């Protein structure tokens, strides 16, 4: 009910988690003096491009200048930065599923987290946050700040799985077509795009895997007891996706290499046939050229059967060469 009012301030969502899987929305004006119950947590999701977001973050959030600068910097990479007083900065990447966007053009979400407060910033919409809101609306969402981080990371990872599976299926389709039809020519542009997409995804997912491993090892005091197991499972999932992306790149390279080899073999066979034809017609051309010179003494020039003799000679040469090539197994 406060979404339109909050949007004027750059606040996409302002929710108080009730500790039971649900949440209630609050207005931007209610942030000042807000008192949370021990079981409650606050989640503020901001539009990083809105000027009011930067104003609130620097003046009213209570974060130091260092944290604000990192959260608002133009370009960043996935990483986790521990802060004093059991706080942390978390920078994650998600698949860009917005209309007209390429999945490898990943969406960044910057997060400041502490025991009862999570502040997240995004520049472009994220499907993961929309699904998280739906879970909270249905009463089956995260109950604490630590579960909120874990749920967001889980949803981001699930979106990665779908894209990785789609890439793998596209390569499967190309391999099956090549095996089924030797004359099939794969689209090099599409294969190169698959390869670039796998490389782009791997570029950002590799450091994100390290984040999950770090969160599994270094447990914050306000984390739920079994959070480390879930972070470790997310780490294992990303390892599997990274291996699948690397395998996809190698398979695309093999398809391209196989196609280049087939094209080379086809070209070699064509040039070989042209070479055989040239070898056959070269002696015949020599004989006909020799007999065609306009000088006296050409054999058979005065005989009415001269052309027949020349034709038989040419045919005999052709047959002799064919027999010789067969003996040498050239044809």
Protein backbone atom coordinates (compact mmCIF):
# COMPACT_ATOMS: atom_id res chain seq x y z
CA UNK A 1 0.00 0.00 0.00
CA UNK A 2 3.00 2.30 0.40
CA UNK A 3 4.72 1.38 -2.89
CA UNK A 4 3.73 4.50 -4.84
CA UNK A 5 4.60 6.80 -1.96
CA UNK A 6 7.93 5.07 -1.37
CA UNK A 7 8.80 5.10 -5.10
CA UNK A 8 9.01 8.89 -4.98
CA UNK A 9 11.91 8.46 -2.57
CA UNK A 10 13.61 5.72 -4.60
CA UNK A 11 12.48 3.08 -2.11
CA UNK A 12 11.29 0.01 -4.03
CA UNK A 13 10.23 -2.03 -0.98
CA UNK A 14 10.25 -1.37 2.75
CA UNK A 15 9.31 -4.45 4.75
CA UNK A 16 9.44 -5.52 8.35
CA UNK A 17 9.86 -9.30 8.62
CA UNK A 18 7.68 -10.63 11.42
CA UNK A 19 9.91 -13.61 12.26
CA UNK A 20 7.25 -16.12 11.17
CA UNK A 21 7.69 -16.04 7.37
CA UNK A 22 5.56 -12.98 6.70
CA UNK A 23 6.15 -9.24 6.48
CA UNK A 24 4.38 -5.91 6.62
CA UNK A 25 5.02 -2.88 4.41
CA UNK A 26 5.95 0.46 5.92
CA UNK A 27 6.24 3.95 4.46
CA UNK A 28 9.44 5.87 3.95
CA UNK A 29 8.32 8.37 6.59
CA UNK A 30 8.06 5.58 9.18
CA UNK A 31 11.76 4.73 9.02
CA UNK A 32 12.73 7.53 11.37
CA UNK A 33 12.26 6.31 14.91
CA UNK A 34 11.25 2.79 13.87
CA UNK A 35 11.64 0.33 16.75
CA UNK A 36 11.91 -3.36 15.89
CA UNK A 37 10.84 -6.18 18.14
CA UNK A 38 13.50 -8.82 18.95
CA UNK A 39 12.01 -11.26 16.42
CA UNK A 40 11.62 -8.65 13.66
CA UNK A 41 14.02 -7.59 10.88
CA UNK A 42 13.93 -4.66 8.46
CA UNK A 43 14.48 -5.04 4.70
CA UNK A 44 14.89 -1.89 2.62
CA UNK A 45 15.23 -2.38 -1.14
CA UNK A 46 16.30 0.78 -2.98
CA UNK A 47 16.65 1.94 -6.58
CA UNK A 48 20.35 2.83 -6.82
CA UNK A 49 19.79 5.23 -9.72
CA UNK A 50 17.34 7.43 -7.81
CA UNK A 51 18.90 10.63 -6.37
CA UNK A 52 16.89 10.33 -3.13
CA UNK A 53 18.46 6.92 -2.53
CA UNK A 54 21.93 8.42 -2.40
CA UNK A 55 20.72 11.22 -0.11
CA UNK A 56 19.10 8.83 2.37
CA UNK A 57 22.02 6.44 2.31
CA UNK A 58 24.59 9.12 3.12
CA UNK A 59 22.54 11.14 5.58
CA UNK A 60 19.96 8.93 7.31
CA UNK A 61 21.07 5.29 7.00
CA UNK A 62 23.70 5.41 9.73
CA UNK A 63 26.31 3.84 7.43
CA UNK A 64 29.80 5.29 7.32
CA UNK A 65 31.17 7.02 4.24
CA UNK A 66 33.28 4.02 3.24
CA UNK A 67 30.24 1.70 3.10
CA UNK A 68 28.17 4.29 1.21
CA UNK A 69 30.89 4.79 -1.39
CA UNK A 70 31.12 1.05 -2.04
CA UNK A 71 27.35 0.61 -2.27
CA UNK A 72 27.02 3.49 -4.74
CA UNK A 73 30.11 2.94 -6.90
CA UNK A 74 29.44 2.63 -10.61
CA UNK A 75 31.13 -0.69 -11.34
CA UNK A 76 31.71 -3.55 -8.96
CA UNK A 77 32.31 -7.28 -8.90
CA UNK A 78 30.91 -10.05 -6.68
CA UNK A 79 32.60 -9.96 -3.28
CA UNK A 80 31.94 -10.05 0.46
CA UNK A 81 33.45 -7.50 2.82
CA UNK A 82 33.18 -7.98 6.62
CA UNK A 83 32.65 -4.80 8.64
CA UNK A 84 32.99 -4.06 12.37
CA UNK A 85 30.14 -4.89 14.76
CA UNK A 86 29.18 -8.09 12.88
CA UNK A 87 28.11 -6.16 9.77
CA UNK A 88 28.90 -6.99 6.17
CA UNK A 89 28.75 -5.72 2.61
CA UNK A 90 27.70 -8.26 0.02
CA UNK A 91 27.84 -7.76 -3.75
CA UNK A 92 26.05 -10.40 -5.81
CA UNK A 93 25.15 -10.84 -9.46
CA UNK A 94 21.96 -12.26 -10.93
CA UNK A 95 20.87 -13.32 -14.41
CA UNK A 96 19.36 -10.44 -16.38
CA UNK A 97 15.87 -11.71 -17.27
CA UNK A 98 14.47 -8.29 -18.20
CA UNK A 99 12.81 -8.05 -21.66
CA UNK A 100 15.30 -7.49 -24.47
CA UNK A 101 18.35 -8.13 -22.26
CA UNK A 102 21.03 -10.76 -22.64
CA UNK A 103 21.36 -13.16 -19.67
CA UNK A 104 25.13 -12.69 -19.49
CA UNK A 105 24.57 -8.94 -18.98
CA UNK A 106 24.11 -9.69 -15.32
CA UNK A 107 22.26 -7.54 -12.79
CA UNK A 108 24.11 -6.38 -9.68
CA UNK A 109 22.58 -6.24 -6.21
CA UNK A 110 24.53 -4.51 -3.43
CA UNK A 111 23.67 -5.41 0.16
CA UNK A 112 24.47 -4.07 3.60
CA UNK A 113 23.47 -6.54 6.30
CA UNK A 114 23.47 -6.68 10.07
CA UNK A 115 21.55 -8.62 12.71
CA UNK A 116 18.13 -6.98 12.19
CA UNK A 117 18.55 -4.89 9.07
CA UNK A 118 19.21 -5.55 5.39
CA UNK A 119 19.66 -2.70 2.89
CA UNK A 120 19.79 -3.77 -0.75
CA UNK A 121 20.30 -1.64 -3.85
CA UNK A 122 19.66 -2.47 -7.48
CA UNK A 123 19.78 -0.52 -10.73
CA UNK A 124 17.60 -2.84 -12.83
CA UNK A 125 14.69 -5.03 -11.70
CA UNK A 126 15.44 -8.50 -10.32
CA UNK A 127 13.09 -11.45 -10.64
CA UNK A 128 14.57 -12.91 -7.44
CA UNK A 129 13.30 -10.03 -5.28
CA UNK A 130 9.84 -10.31 -6.85
CA UNK A 131 9.69 -14.00 -5.94
CA UNK A 132 10.94 -13.20 -2.45
CA UNK A 133 8.11 -10.70 -2.02
CA UNK A 134 5.61 -13.32 -3.13
CA UNK A 135 6.95 -15.79 -0.56
CA UNK A 136 6.65 -13.18 2.19
CA UNK A 137 3.14 -12.32 1.08
CA UNK A 138 2.20 -16.02 1.34
CA UNK A 139 3.76 -16.33 4.80
CA UNK A 140 6.52 -18.73 3.76
CA UNK A 141 9.37 -16.28 3.34
CA UNK A 142 12.54 -15.69 5.35
CA UNK A 143 12.13 -15.05 9.06
CA UNK A 144 15.41 -13.31 9.87
CA UNK A 145 18.00 -11.11 8.19
CA UNK A 146 20.32 -14.09 7.70
CA UNK A 147 17.55 -16.14 6.09
CA UNK A 148 16.74 -13.17 3.86
CA UNK A 149 20.31 -13.14 2.53
CA UNK A 150 20.23 -16.90 2.05
CA UNK A 151 16.85 -16.85 0.27
CA UNK A 152 17.97 -14.08 -2.08
CA UNK A 153 21.17 -15.95 -2.94
CA UNK A 154 19.19 -19.17 -3.47
CA UNK A 155 16.78 -17.49 -5.89
CA UNK A 156 19.64 -15.89 -7.82
CA UNK A 157 21.33 -19.28 -8.10
CA UNK A 158 18.13 -20.96 -9.30
CA UNK A 159 17.90 -18.50 -12.20
CA UNK A 160 21.49 -19.35 -13.13
CA UNK A 161 20.62 -23.04 -13.30
CA UNK A 162 17.90 -22.41 -15.89
CA UNK A 163 20.23 -20.44 -18.19
CA UNK A 164 23.05 -23.00 -17.88
CA UNK A 165 20.62 -25.83 -18.72
CA UNK A 166 19.33 -23.93 -21.77
CA UNK A 167 22.88 -23.43 -23.05
CA UNK A 168 23.65 -27.12 -22.60
CA UNK A 169 20.49 -28.11 -24.49
CA UNK A 170 21.38 -25.80 -27.39
CA UNK A 171 24.78 -27.44 -27.73
CA UNK A 172 23.13 -30.89 -27.51
CA UNK A 173 20.85 -29.92 -30.38
CA UNK A 174 23.78 -28.84 -32.56
CA UNK A 175 25.71 -32.06 -31.84
CA UNK A 176 22.68 -34.24 -32.64
CA UNK A 177 22.11 -32.46 -35.96
CA UNK A 178 25.76 -32.91 -36.91
CA UNK A 179 25.63 -36.61 -36.13
CA UNK A 180 22.32 -37.13 -37.95
CA UNK A 181 23.22 -35.30 -41.16
CA UNK A 182 26.75 -34.98 -42.50
CA UNK A 183 25.63 -32.19 -44.81
CA UNK A 184 24.25 -30.08 -41.95
CA UNK A 185 26.15 -26.83 -41.47
CA UNK A 186 25.84 -25.29 -37.99
CA UNK A 187 25.49 -21.54 -37.65
CA UNK A 188 28.88 -20.24 -36.59
CA UNK A 189 27.33 -17.02 -35.29
CA UNK A 190 24.98 -18.89 -32.96
CA UNK A 191 27.78 -21.14 -31.71
CA UNK A 192 30.05 -18.19 -31.04
CA UNK A 193 27.23 -16.49 -29.14
CA UNK A 194 26.82 -19.58 -26.95
CA UNK A 195 30.54 -19.54 -26.27
CA UNK A 196 30.54 -15.84 -25.37
CA UNK A 197 27.51 -16.31 -23.13
CA UNK A 198 29.15 -19.18 -21.25
CA UNK A 199 32.35 -17.16 -20.83
CA UNK A 200 30.43 -14.09 -19.62
CA UNK A 201 28.47 -16.07 -17.05
CA UNK A 202 31.57 -17.83 -15.81
CA UNK A 203 33.38 -14.51 -15.38
CA UNK A 204 30.95 -13.37 -12.66
CA UNK A 205 29.96 -16.70 -11.18
CA UNK A 206 33.50 -17.76 -10.27
CA UNK A 207 33.99 -14.99 -7.66
CA UNK A 208 30.40 -15.45 -6.45
CA UNK A 209 31.19 -19.07 -5.66
CA UNK A 210 34.04 -17.84 -3.46
CA UNK A 211 31.58 -15.60 -1.61
CA UNK A 212 29.34 -18.55 -0.78
CA UNK A 213 32.33 -20.57 0.38
CA UNK A 214 33.48 -17.68 2.56
CA UNK A 215 30.02 -17.31 4.13
CA UNK A 216 29.95 -21.05 4.83
CA UNK A 217 33.34 -20.87 6.59
CA UNK A 218 33.03 -17.54 8.41
CA UNK A 219 29.70 -17.60 10.19
CA UNK A 220 28.40 -14.26 11.51
CA UNK A 221 27.07 -14.25 15.12
CA UNK A 222 23.55 -13.41 13.94
CA UNK A 223 23.38 -16.23 11.38
CA UNK A 224 20.92 -19.05 12.02
CA UNK A 225 22.60 -22.23 13.26
CA UNK A 226 22.32 -24.27 10.06
CA UNK A 227 22.96 -21.38 7.63
CA UNK A 228 26.52 -22.57 6.98
CA UNK A 229 25.19 -25.83 5.53
CA UNK A 230 22.95 -23.96 3.12
CA UNK A 231 25.72 -21.59 2.04
CA UNK A 232 27.94 -24.60 1.45
CA UNK A 233 25.22 -26.20 -0.69
CA UNK A 234 24.95 -23.01 -2.74
CA UNK A 235 28.70 -23.10 -3.17
CA UNK A 236 28.52 -26.69 -4.45
CA UNK A 237 25.71 -25.73 -6.83
CA UNK A 238 27.75 -22.90 -8.33
CA UNK A 239 30.75 -25.21 -8.69
CA UNK A 240 28.54 -27.57 -10.69
CA UNK A 241 27.25 -24.73 -12.88
CA UNK A 242 30.78 -23.44 -13.49
CA UNK A 243 31.88 -26.92 -14.54
CA UNK A 244 28.87 -27.14 -16.85
CA UNK A 245 29.70 -23.75 -18.39
CA UNK A 246 33.30 -24.78 -18.95
CA UNK A 247 32.11 -28.03 -20.52
CA UNK A 248 29.71 -26.05 -22.73
CA UNK A 249 32.59 -23.89 -23.97
CA UNK A 250 34.66 -26.96 -24.76
CA UNK A 251 31.76 -28.66 -26.54
CA UNK A 252 31.12 -25.59 -28.67
CA UNK A 253 34.82 -25.50 -29.53
CA UNK A 254 34.66 -29.17 -30.53
CA UNK A 255 31.60 -28.56 -32.73
CA UNK A 256 33.37 -25.67 -34.46
CA UNK A 257 36.54 -27.73 -34.82
CA UNK A 258 34.57 -30.66 -36.23
CA UNK A 259 32.84 -28.40 -38.73
CA UNK A 260 36.16 -26.84 -39.81
CA UNK A 261 37.63 -30.32 -40.24
CA UNK A 262 34.65 -31.41 -42.36
CA UNK A 263 34.96 -28.31 -44.52
CA UNK A 264 38.69 -28.92 -44.98
CA UNK A 265 38.09 -32.56 -45.88
CA UNK A 266 35.40 -31.55 -48.36
CA UNK A 267 37.71 -28.97 -49.90
CA UNK A 268 40.56 -31.48 -50.09
CA UNK A 269 38.33 -34.03 -51.84
CA UNK A 270 37.20 -31.39 -54.32
CA UNK A 271 40.77 -30.29 -55.04
CA UNK A 272 41.84 -33.92 -55.37
CA UNK A 273 39.16 -34.55 -57.99
CA UNK A 274 40.19 -31.44 -59.87
CA UNK A 275 43.78 -32.68 -59.74
CA UNK A 276 42.80 -36.08 -61.22
CA UNK A 277 40.81 -34.41 -63.99
CA UNK A 278 43.76 -32.13 -64.76
CA UNK A 279 46.15 -35.11 -64.92
CA UNK A 280 43.83 -36.87 -67.37
CA UNK A 281 43.35 -33.94 -69.71
CA UNK A 282 46.91 -32.60 -69.65
CA UNK A 283 48.45 -35.28 -71.99
CA UNK A 284 45.36 -35.13 -74.20
CA UNK A 285 45.69 -31.35 -74.45
CA UNK A 286 49.36 -31.76 -75.31
CA UNK A 287 48.58 -34.19 -78.17
CA UNK A 288 45.74 -32.09 -79.60
CA UNK A 289 47.87 -28.96 -79.31
CA UNK A 290 50.79 -30.62 -81.04
CA UNK A 291 48.63 -31.86 -83.88
CA UNK A 292 46.99 -28.48 -84.20
CA UNK A 293 50.09 -26.45 -85.03
CA UNK A 294 49.94 -25.00 -88.52
CA UNK A 295 53.18 -26.40 -90.02
CA UNK A 296 53.92 -29.00 -92.64
CA UNK A 297 54.59 -32.65 -91.86
CA UNK A 298 51.73 -33.19 -89.39
CA UNK A 299 51.07 -36.98 -89.35
CA UNK A 300 47.80 -37.93 -91.01
CA UNK A 301 47.16 -34.49 -92.51
CA UNK A 302 46.89 -35.95 -96.00
CA UNK A 303 44.95 -39.06 -94.96
CA UNK A 304 41.14 -39.11 -94.92
CA UNK A 305 41.39 -41.13 -91.68
CA UNK A 306 43.74 -38.74 -89.90
CA UNK A 307 41.06 -37.31 -87.54
CA UNK A 308 39.94 -40.86 -86.64
CA UNK A 309 43.51 -41.86 -85.82
CA UNK A 310 43.98 -38.74 -83.66
CA UNK A 311 40.71 -39.38 -81.84
CA UNK A 312 41.65 -42.99 -81.15
CA UNK A 313 45.03 -41.84 -79.85
CA UNK A 314 43.41 -39.41 -77.46
CA UNK A 315 40.92 -42.03 -76.22
CA UNK A 316 43.75 -44.53 -75.80
CA UNK A 317 45.71 -42.03 -73.72
CA UNK A 318 42.68 -41.41 -71.51
CA UNK A 319 42.05 -45.12 -71.00
CA UNK A 320 45.73 -45.77 -70.29
CA UNK A 321 45.81 -43.01 -67.67
CA UNK A 322 42.63 -44.30 -66.04
CA UNK A 323 44.17 -47.78 -65.82
CA UNK A 324 47.38 -46.36 -64.37
CA UNK A 325 45.50 -44.28 -61.75
CA UNK A 326 43.51 -47.35 -60.73
CA UNK A 327 46.71 -49.37 -60.32
CA UNK A 328 48.18 -46.57 -58.18
CA UNK A 329 44.87 -46.34 -56.26
CA UNK A 330 44.52 -42.66 -56.92
CA UNK A 331 40.88 -43.11 -57.91
